[in-house]
N, C-alpha and C. Protein backbone atom coordinates (compact mmCIF):
# COMPACT_ATOMS: atom_id res chain seq x y z
N UNK A 1 14.37 -16.14 3.44
CA UNK A 1 13.73 -15.60 4.60
C UNK A 1 14.33 -16.35 5.82
N UNK A 2 14.40 -17.74 5.55
CA UNK A 2 14.98 -18.52 6.79
C UNK A 2 16.28 -18.08 7.28
N UNK A 3 17.13 -17.94 6.36
CA UNK A 3 18.38 -17.51 6.48
C UNK A 3 18.57 -16.32 7.32
N UNK A 4 17.63 -15.16 7.00
CA UNK A 4 17.62 -14.18 7.82
C UNK A 4 17.22 -14.17 9.03
N UNK A 5 16.06 -14.99 9.28
CA UNK A 5 15.56 -15.41 10.71
C UNK A 5 16.84 -16.06 11.44
N UNK A 6 17.39 -17.09 10.84
CA UNK A 6 18.35 -17.77 11.50
C UNK A 6 19.45 -16.84 11.96
N UNK A 7 19.93 -16.01 11.12
CA UNK A 7 20.94 -14.97 11.40
C UNK A 7 20.72 -14.30 12.90
N UNK A 8 19.35 -13.73 12.83
CA UNK A 8 19.08 -13.01 13.94
C UNK A 8 19.16 -13.88 15.17
N UNK A 9 18.60 -15.10 15.13
CA UNK A 9 18.49 -16.12 16.32
C UNK A 9 19.75 -16.33 16.79
N UNK A 10 20.72 -16.67 15.77
CA UNK A 10 22.08 -16.96 16.28
C UNK A 10 22.84 -15.98 16.89
N UNK A 11 22.61 -14.66 16.59
CA UNK A 11 23.26 -13.46 17.28
C UNK A 11 22.55 -13.19 18.61
N UNK A 12 21.39 -13.64 18.83
CA UNK A 12 20.48 -13.26 20.00
C UNK A 12 19.93 -11.88 19.84
N UNK A 13 20.00 -11.40 18.59
CA UNK A 13 19.44 -10.06 18.19
C UNK A 13 17.86 -10.19 17.89
N UNK A 14 17.11 -9.37 18.61
CA UNK A 14 15.61 -9.46 18.29
C UNK A 14 15.25 -9.00 16.89
N UNK A 15 14.40 -9.54 16.39
CA UNK A 15 13.83 -9.24 15.04
C UNK A 15 12.35 -9.15 15.08
N UNK A 16 11.89 -8.00 14.47
CA UNK A 16 10.51 -7.76 14.55
C UNK A 16 10.03 -7.67 13.14
N UNK A 17 8.78 -8.49 12.78
CA UNK A 17 8.34 -8.53 11.35
C UNK A 17 6.85 -8.15 11.31
N UNK A 18 6.34 -7.52 10.11
CA UNK A 18 5.11 -7.09 10.20
C UNK A 18 4.85 -6.87 8.68
N UNK A 19 3.60 -7.06 8.14
CA UNK A 19 3.19 -6.83 6.74
C UNK A 19 3.15 -5.14 6.62
N UNK A 20 2.97 -4.60 7.80
CA UNK A 20 2.59 -3.00 7.87
C UNK A 20 3.08 -2.68 9.19
N UNK A 21 3.87 -1.59 9.25
CA UNK A 21 4.46 -1.12 10.61
C UNK A 21 3.54 -0.07 11.14
N UNK A 22 2.49 0.40 10.37
CA UNK A 22 1.74 1.57 10.83
C UNK A 22 0.97 0.92 12.01
N UNK A 23 0.96 1.88 13.13
CA UNK A 23 0.21 1.52 14.42
C UNK A 23 -1.25 1.52 14.09
N UNK A 24 -1.73 2.39 13.32
CA UNK A 24 -3.33 2.32 12.91
C UNK A 24 -3.54 1.20 12.19
N UNK A 25 -2.68 0.77 11.16
CA UNK A 25 -3.07 -0.47 10.63
C UNK A 25 -3.23 -1.63 11.42
N UNK A 26 -2.26 -1.86 12.49
CA UNK A 26 -2.22 -2.93 13.41
C UNK A 26 -3.50 -2.79 14.13
N UNK A 27 -4.02 -1.68 14.72
CA UNK A 27 -5.18 -1.46 15.44
C UNK A 27 -6.50 -2.00 14.44
N UNK A 28 -6.44 -1.51 13.19
CA UNK A 28 -7.59 -1.85 12.28
C UNK A 28 -7.71 -3.48 12.14
N UNK A 29 -6.37 -3.93 11.94
CA UNK A 29 -6.44 -5.61 11.87
C UNK A 29 -7.01 -6.13 12.99
N UNK A 30 -6.68 -5.67 14.42
CA UNK A 30 -7.17 -6.21 15.60
C UNK A 30 -8.75 -6.09 15.61
N UNK A 31 -9.30 -4.98 15.05
CA UNK A 31 -10.68 -4.60 15.12
C UNK A 31 -11.28 -5.52 14.12
N UNK A 32 -10.64 -5.69 12.92
CA UNK A 32 -11.13 -6.56 11.96
C UNK A 32 -11.37 -7.93 12.52
N UNK A 33 -10.38 -8.36 13.21
CA UNK A 33 -10.38 -9.66 13.78
C UNK A 33 -11.79 -9.97 14.75
N UNK A 34 -11.89 -8.91 15.58
CA UNK A 34 -13.00 -9.06 16.39
C UNK A 34 -14.28 -9.03 15.71
N UNK A 35 -14.51 -7.99 14.86
CA UNK A 35 -15.80 -8.13 13.97
C UNK A 35 -15.98 -9.27 13.19
N UNK A 36 -15.01 -9.82 12.60
CA UNK A 36 -15.00 -11.06 11.95
C UNK A 36 -15.42 -12.15 12.83
N UNK A 37 -14.98 -12.32 14.11
CA UNK A 37 -15.33 -13.37 14.94
C UNK A 37 -16.87 -13.34 15.20
N UNK A 38 -17.27 -12.04 15.76
CA UNK A 38 -18.86 -11.88 15.96
C UNK A 38 -19.54 -12.01 14.73
N UNK A 39 -19.33 -11.60 13.65
CA UNK A 39 -20.25 -11.76 12.22
C UNK A 39 -20.02 -13.23 11.97
N UNK A 40 -19.06 -13.89 12.12
CA UNK A 40 -18.81 -15.28 11.81
C UNK A 40 -19.83 -16.19 12.53
N UNK A 41 -20.14 -15.89 13.64
CA UNK A 41 -21.17 -16.53 14.65
C UNK A 41 -22.30 -16.37 14.19
N UNK A 42 -22.57 -14.97 13.80
CA UNK A 42 -23.95 -14.49 13.47
C UNK A 42 -24.33 -15.07 12.11
N UNK A 43 -23.41 -15.15 11.19
CA UNK A 43 -23.72 -15.69 9.76
C UNK A 43 -24.47 -14.63 8.86
N UNK A 44 -24.59 -14.74 7.63
CA UNK A 44 -25.36 -13.84 6.86
C UNK A 44 -24.49 -12.59 6.23
N UNK A 45 -23.15 -12.49 6.54
CA UNK A 45 -22.47 -11.37 6.12
C UNK A 45 -21.33 -11.83 5.24
N UNK A 46 -21.15 -11.06 4.01
CA UNK A 46 -20.33 -11.25 2.96
C UNK A 46 -18.92 -10.30 3.18
N UNK A 47 -17.71 -10.60 3.51
CA UNK A 47 -16.71 -9.85 3.66
C UNK A 47 -16.06 -9.33 2.45
N UNK A 48 -15.55 -8.16 2.40
CA UNK A 48 -14.70 -7.56 1.30
C UNK A 48 -13.62 -6.68 1.76
N UNK A 49 -12.81 -6.51 0.78
CA UNK A 49 -11.64 -5.59 1.14
C UNK A 49 -11.27 -4.73 -0.11
N UNK A 50 -11.12 -3.46 -0.04
CA UNK A 50 -10.81 -2.50 -1.01
C UNK A 50 -9.84 -1.89 -0.47
N UNK A 51 -8.63 -1.97 -1.04
CA UNK A 51 -7.32 -1.27 -0.89
C UNK A 51 -6.91 -0.24 -2.03
N UNK A 52 -6.40 0.83 -1.81
CA UNK A 52 -5.89 1.79 -2.53
C UNK A 52 -4.50 2.27 -2.56
N UNK A 53 -3.62 2.37 -3.33
CA UNK A 53 -2.45 2.96 -3.30
C UNK A 53 -2.02 3.74 -4.53
N UNK A 54 -0.94 4.35 -4.41
CA UNK A 54 -0.37 5.16 -5.53
C UNK A 54 -0.03 4.31 -6.82
N UNK A 55 0.05 4.95 -7.81
CA UNK A 55 0.33 4.31 -9.17
C UNK A 55 1.58 3.60 -9.43
N UNK A 56 2.47 4.03 -8.33
CA UNK A 56 3.88 3.28 -8.58
C UNK A 56 4.00 2.01 -7.78
N UNK A 57 3.01 1.66 -6.93
CA UNK A 57 2.94 0.45 -6.13
C UNK A 57 2.81 -0.88 -7.36
N UNK A 58 3.74 -1.71 -7.05
CA UNK A 58 3.81 -2.85 -7.93
C UNK A 58 2.90 -4.05 -7.68
N UNK A 59 2.86 -4.47 -6.28
CA UNK A 59 1.94 -5.42 -5.88
C UNK A 59 0.54 -4.96 -5.71
N UNK A 60 -0.43 -6.09 -6.17
CA UNK A 60 -1.80 -5.93 -6.01
C UNK A 60 -2.44 -7.39 -5.97
N UNK A 61 -2.88 -7.68 -4.88
CA UNK A 61 -3.18 -6.71 -3.69
C UNK A 61 -1.94 -6.83 -2.91
N UNK A 62 -1.99 -5.65 -2.02
CA UNK A 62 -0.91 -5.10 -1.19
C UNK A 62 -0.74 -6.34 -0.04
N UNK A 63 0.40 -6.31 0.51
CA UNK A 63 0.65 -7.18 1.72
C UNK A 63 -0.36 -7.08 2.70
N UNK A 64 -0.69 -5.71 2.99
CA UNK A 64 -1.55 -5.46 4.13
C UNK A 64 -2.86 -6.06 3.80
N UNK A 65 -3.37 -5.95 2.37
CA UNK A 65 -4.70 -6.37 2.20
C UNK A 65 -4.59 -7.85 2.33
N UNK A 66 -3.47 -8.62 2.10
CA UNK A 66 -3.61 -10.05 2.30
C UNK A 66 -3.62 -10.36 3.78
N UNK A 67 -2.85 -9.61 4.42
CA UNK A 67 -2.97 -9.81 5.84
C UNK A 67 -4.34 -9.62 6.46
N UNK A 68 -4.98 -8.71 6.12
CA UNK A 68 -6.44 -8.39 6.47
C UNK A 68 -7.21 -9.59 5.96
N UNK A 69 -7.22 -10.10 4.80
CA UNK A 69 -7.82 -10.95 4.31
C UNK A 69 -7.71 -12.44 5.27
N UNK A 70 -6.52 -12.53 5.66
CA UNK A 70 -6.25 -13.76 6.39
C UNK A 70 -6.88 -13.66 7.86
N UNK A 71 -6.93 -12.52 8.41
CA UNK A 71 -7.71 -12.04 9.72
C UNK A 71 -9.24 -12.30 9.45
N UNK A 72 -9.76 -11.91 8.42
CA UNK A 72 -11.08 -12.29 8.06
C UNK A 72 -11.55 -13.61 8.03
N UNK A 73 -10.61 -14.40 7.05
CA UNK A 73 -10.90 -15.71 6.99
C UNK A 73 -10.58 -16.55 8.33
N UNK A 74 -9.77 -16.15 9.15
CA UNK A 74 -9.63 -16.75 10.46
C UNK A 74 -10.86 -16.68 11.22
N UNK A 75 -11.50 -15.44 11.27
CA UNK A 75 -12.52 -15.17 12.09
C UNK A 75 -14.06 -15.71 11.55
N UNK A 76 -13.95 -15.57 10.31
CA UNK A 76 -15.38 -15.96 9.65
C UNK A 76 -15.33 -17.43 8.89
N UNK A 77 -14.26 -17.78 8.56
CA UNK A 77 -14.20 -19.05 7.71
C UNK A 77 -14.72 -18.77 6.45
N UNK A 78 -14.36 -17.41 5.90
CA UNK A 78 -15.05 -16.98 4.73
C UNK A 78 -13.87 -16.14 4.07
N UNK A 79 -13.63 -16.38 2.69
CA UNK A 79 -12.67 -15.50 2.09
C UNK A 79 -13.35 -14.39 1.55
N UNK A 80 -12.74 -13.20 1.87
CA UNK A 80 -13.21 -11.83 1.53
C UNK A 80 -12.67 -11.54 -0.18
N UNK A 81 -13.69 -10.93 -0.86
CA UNK A 81 -13.19 -10.57 -2.06
C UNK A 81 -12.36 -9.28 -1.86
N UNK A 82 -11.24 -9.18 -2.63
CA UNK A 82 -10.19 -8.04 -2.76
C UNK A 82 -10.17 -7.42 -3.86
N UNK A 83 -10.35 -6.10 -3.84
CA UNK A 83 -10.14 -5.31 -4.92
C UNK A 83 -9.05 -4.26 -4.68
N UNK A 84 -8.23 -3.99 -5.78
CA UNK A 84 -7.02 -3.12 -5.77
C UNK A 84 -7.16 -2.04 -6.55
N UNK A 85 -6.96 -0.84 -6.06
CA UNK A 85 -6.99 0.26 -7.02
C UNK A 85 -5.57 1.06 -6.85
N UNK A 86 -5.11 1.30 -8.21
CA UNK A 86 -3.88 2.05 -8.11
C UNK A 86 -4.23 3.45 -8.84
N UNK A 87 -4.21 4.57 -8.01
CA UNK A 87 -4.28 5.99 -8.60
C UNK A 87 -3.58 6.87 -7.92
N UNK A 88 -3.21 7.83 -8.61
CA UNK A 88 -2.48 9.19 -8.03
C UNK A 88 -1.26 8.84 -7.24
N UNK A 89 -1.26 9.42 -5.94
CA UNK A 89 -0.14 9.34 -5.08
C UNK A 89 -0.71 8.88 -3.62
N UNK A 90 -1.76 8.16 -3.55
CA UNK A 90 -2.46 7.72 -2.18
C UNK A 90 -1.38 6.73 -1.56
N UNK A 91 -0.93 7.27 -0.24
CA UNK A 91 -0.12 6.45 0.45
C UNK A 91 -0.65 5.13 1.02
N UNK A 92 -1.81 5.01 1.14
CA UNK A 92 -2.67 3.63 1.19
C UNK A 92 -3.93 4.08 2.03
N UNK A 93 -4.82 3.33 1.53
CA UNK A 93 -6.30 3.42 2.11
C UNK A 93 -6.75 1.80 2.04
N UNK A 94 -7.17 1.30 3.11
CA UNK A 94 -7.48 0.02 3.30
C UNK A 94 -8.97 0.00 4.05
N UNK A 95 -10.05 -0.56 3.24
CA UNK A 95 -11.34 -0.63 3.90
C UNK A 95 -11.84 -2.05 3.94
N UNK A 96 -12.36 -2.58 5.09
CA UNK A 96 -12.70 -3.83 5.17
C UNK A 96 -14.09 -3.70 5.54
N UNK A 97 -15.05 -4.41 4.66
CA UNK A 97 -16.47 -4.29 4.66
C UNK A 97 -17.08 -5.42 4.94
N UNK A 98 -18.28 -5.64 5.54
CA UNK A 98 -19.20 -6.77 5.83
C UNK A 98 -20.52 -6.63 5.34
N UNK A 99 -21.02 -7.22 4.27
CA UNK A 99 -22.31 -6.65 3.73
C UNK A 99 -23.14 -7.86 4.20
N UNK A 100 -24.29 -7.40 4.76
CA UNK A 100 -25.38 -8.29 5.30
C UNK A 100 -26.62 -7.94 4.75
N UNK A 101 -27.70 -8.70 4.76
CA UNK A 101 -29.05 -8.70 4.21
C UNK A 101 -29.54 -7.25 4.54
N UNK A 102 -29.47 -6.74 5.94
CA UNK A 102 -30.06 -5.74 6.36
C UNK A 102 -29.13 -4.46 6.80
N UNK A 103 -27.87 -4.77 6.63
CA UNK A 103 -26.92 -3.54 7.17
C UNK A 103 -25.38 -3.91 6.43
N UNK A 104 -24.67 -2.95 6.55
CA UNK A 104 -23.17 -3.01 6.25
C UNK A 104 -22.45 -2.35 7.34
N UNK A 105 -21.23 -3.13 7.53
CA UNK A 105 -20.23 -2.47 8.55
C UNK A 105 -19.07 -2.29 7.57
N UNK A 106 -18.45 -0.97 7.61
CA UNK A 106 -17.07 -0.81 7.07
C UNK A 106 -16.23 -0.37 8.09
N UNK A 107 -15.00 -0.47 8.00
CA UNK A 107 -13.88 0.09 8.80
C UNK A 107 -12.63 0.31 7.90
N UNK A 108 -12.33 1.61 7.92
CA UNK A 108 -11.16 2.11 6.92
C UNK A 108 -9.89 2.70 7.78
N UNK A 109 -9.01 2.51 7.37
CA UNK A 109 -7.53 3.12 7.65
C UNK A 109 -7.09 3.95 6.51
N UNK A 110 -6.79 5.29 6.60
CA UNK A 110 -6.03 5.89 5.58
C UNK A 110 -4.73 6.44 6.10
N UNK A 111 -3.63 6.09 5.50
CA UNK A 111 -2.33 6.77 5.74
C UNK A 111 -2.20 7.99 4.84
N UNK A 112 -1.77 9.10 5.62
CA UNK A 112 -1.63 10.25 4.79
C UNK A 112 -0.48 10.35 4.28
N UNK A 113 0.69 9.72 4.79
CA UNK A 113 1.95 9.65 4.07
C UNK A 113 2.72 8.46 4.77
N UNK A 114 3.88 8.28 4.14
CA UNK A 114 4.57 7.01 4.66
C UNK A 114 5.43 7.25 5.96
N UNK A 115 5.20 8.40 6.52
CA UNK A 115 5.77 8.66 7.74
C UNK A 115 5.29 7.72 8.89
N UNK A 116 4.05 7.44 8.85
CA UNK A 116 3.46 6.70 9.91
C UNK A 116 4.04 5.32 9.94
N UNK A 117 4.48 4.69 8.82
CA UNK A 117 5.09 3.47 8.84
C UNK A 117 6.62 3.43 9.38
N UNK A 118 7.36 4.69 9.45
CA UNK A 118 8.66 4.81 10.03
C UNK A 118 8.36 4.94 11.43
N UNK A 119 7.38 5.67 11.87
CA UNK A 119 7.15 5.88 13.23
C UNK A 119 6.67 4.53 13.90
N UNK A 120 6.00 3.76 13.30
CA UNK A 120 5.73 2.35 13.61
C UNK A 120 6.75 1.57 13.82
N UNK A 121 7.69 1.65 12.97
CA UNK A 121 8.91 0.88 12.96
C UNK A 121 9.72 1.13 14.20
N UNK A 122 9.79 2.43 14.54
CA UNK A 122 10.58 2.94 15.60
C UNK A 122 9.80 2.48 16.89
N UNK A 123 8.63 2.57 16.99
CA UNK A 123 7.89 1.92 18.12
C UNK A 123 8.08 0.53 18.11
N UNK A 124 8.25 -0.20 17.15
CA UNK A 124 8.46 -1.66 17.17
C UNK A 124 10.02 -1.86 17.69
N UNK A 125 10.84 -0.96 17.44
CA UNK A 125 12.35 -1.11 17.79
C UNK A 125 12.32 -1.04 19.28
N UNK A 126 11.79 0.01 19.93
CA UNK A 126 11.58 0.35 21.16
C UNK A 126 11.23 -0.66 22.06
N UNK A 127 10.26 -1.68 21.57
CA UNK A 127 9.62 -2.91 22.30
C UNK A 127 10.62 -3.92 22.38
N UNK A 128 11.96 -3.95 21.74
CA UNK A 128 12.59 -5.01 21.60
C UNK A 128 13.67 -5.10 22.68
N UNK A 129 13.63 -4.12 23.71
CA UNK A 129 14.57 -4.28 24.75
C UNK A 129 14.41 -5.32 25.75
N UNK A 130 15.51 -6.07 25.85
CA UNK A 130 15.66 -7.31 26.53
C UNK A 130 14.96 -8.61 25.75
N UNK A 131 14.56 -8.55 24.59
CA UNK A 131 14.19 -9.58 23.78
C UNK A 131 15.31 -10.19 23.04
N UNK A 132 14.95 -11.45 22.42
CA UNK A 132 15.77 -12.13 21.48
C UNK A 132 14.87 -12.75 20.69
N UNK A 133 15.20 -13.30 19.58
CA UNK A 133 14.44 -13.98 18.75
C UNK A 133 13.71 -13.26 17.87
N UNK A 134 12.73 -13.99 17.13
CA UNK A 134 11.90 -13.26 16.07
C UNK A 134 10.46 -13.11 16.58
N UNK A 135 9.93 -11.76 16.54
CA UNK A 135 8.54 -11.64 17.01
C UNK A 135 7.89 -10.99 15.85
N UNK A 136 6.50 -10.94 16.09
CA UNK A 136 5.59 -10.25 15.08
C UNK A 136 5.25 -8.98 15.91
N UNK A 137 5.23 -7.69 15.00
CA UNK A 137 4.94 -6.63 15.76
C UNK A 137 3.45 -6.42 16.57
N UNK A 138 2.51 -6.98 15.83
CA UNK A 138 1.40 -6.98 16.71
C UNK A 138 1.26 -7.94 17.93
N UNK A 139 1.99 -8.85 17.81
CA UNK A 139 2.25 -9.65 19.14
C UNK A 139 2.86 -8.87 20.25
N UNK A 140 3.80 -8.04 19.81
CA UNK A 140 4.49 -7.14 21.03
C UNK A 140 3.42 -6.00 21.22
N UNK A 141 2.98 -5.40 20.07
CA UNK A 141 2.06 -4.20 20.35
C UNK A 141 0.84 -4.48 21.34
N UNK A 142 0.28 -5.47 21.16
CA UNK A 142 -0.80 -5.72 21.84
C UNK A 142 -0.88 -6.55 23.18
N UNK A 143 0.52 -6.78 23.42
CA UNK A 143 0.90 -7.78 24.72
C UNK A 143 0.22 -7.10 26.01
N UNK A 144 0.28 -6.03 26.30
CA UNK A 144 -0.18 -5.30 27.35
C UNK A 144 -1.64 -4.83 27.42
N UNK A 145 -2.36 -5.03 26.17
CA UNK A 145 -3.62 -4.75 26.24
C UNK A 145 -4.64 -5.98 26.80
């Protein structure tokens, strides 16, 4: 990993990284971060993540689920339970939930195909004009907001 980053930095070529290039997943992550911060202040909520993918996916939990877990931990100082399901040909469904004594909040992103990941990578590439070095996709995507 460090060699790859070093190569791009030495060439002055921009590099964008992300656990998931879906625009929707990155918006989900930002929303989860906001929800986690508010619920972390309130207390009394138990976070969890359920991620579902096709039967051919080898990693469990997925990199996206791990990244979402980090966002929750940062906002709430609580580690979410993570459940992984491998069934059929699901491109990817990620649900982040917060269970309270009196209510439940859930937020879900569902990818209908892998096309959205490719489109997000194109969006990321278009954001590199005039840049050098290594950048995270969400850092660039939310820069203007």
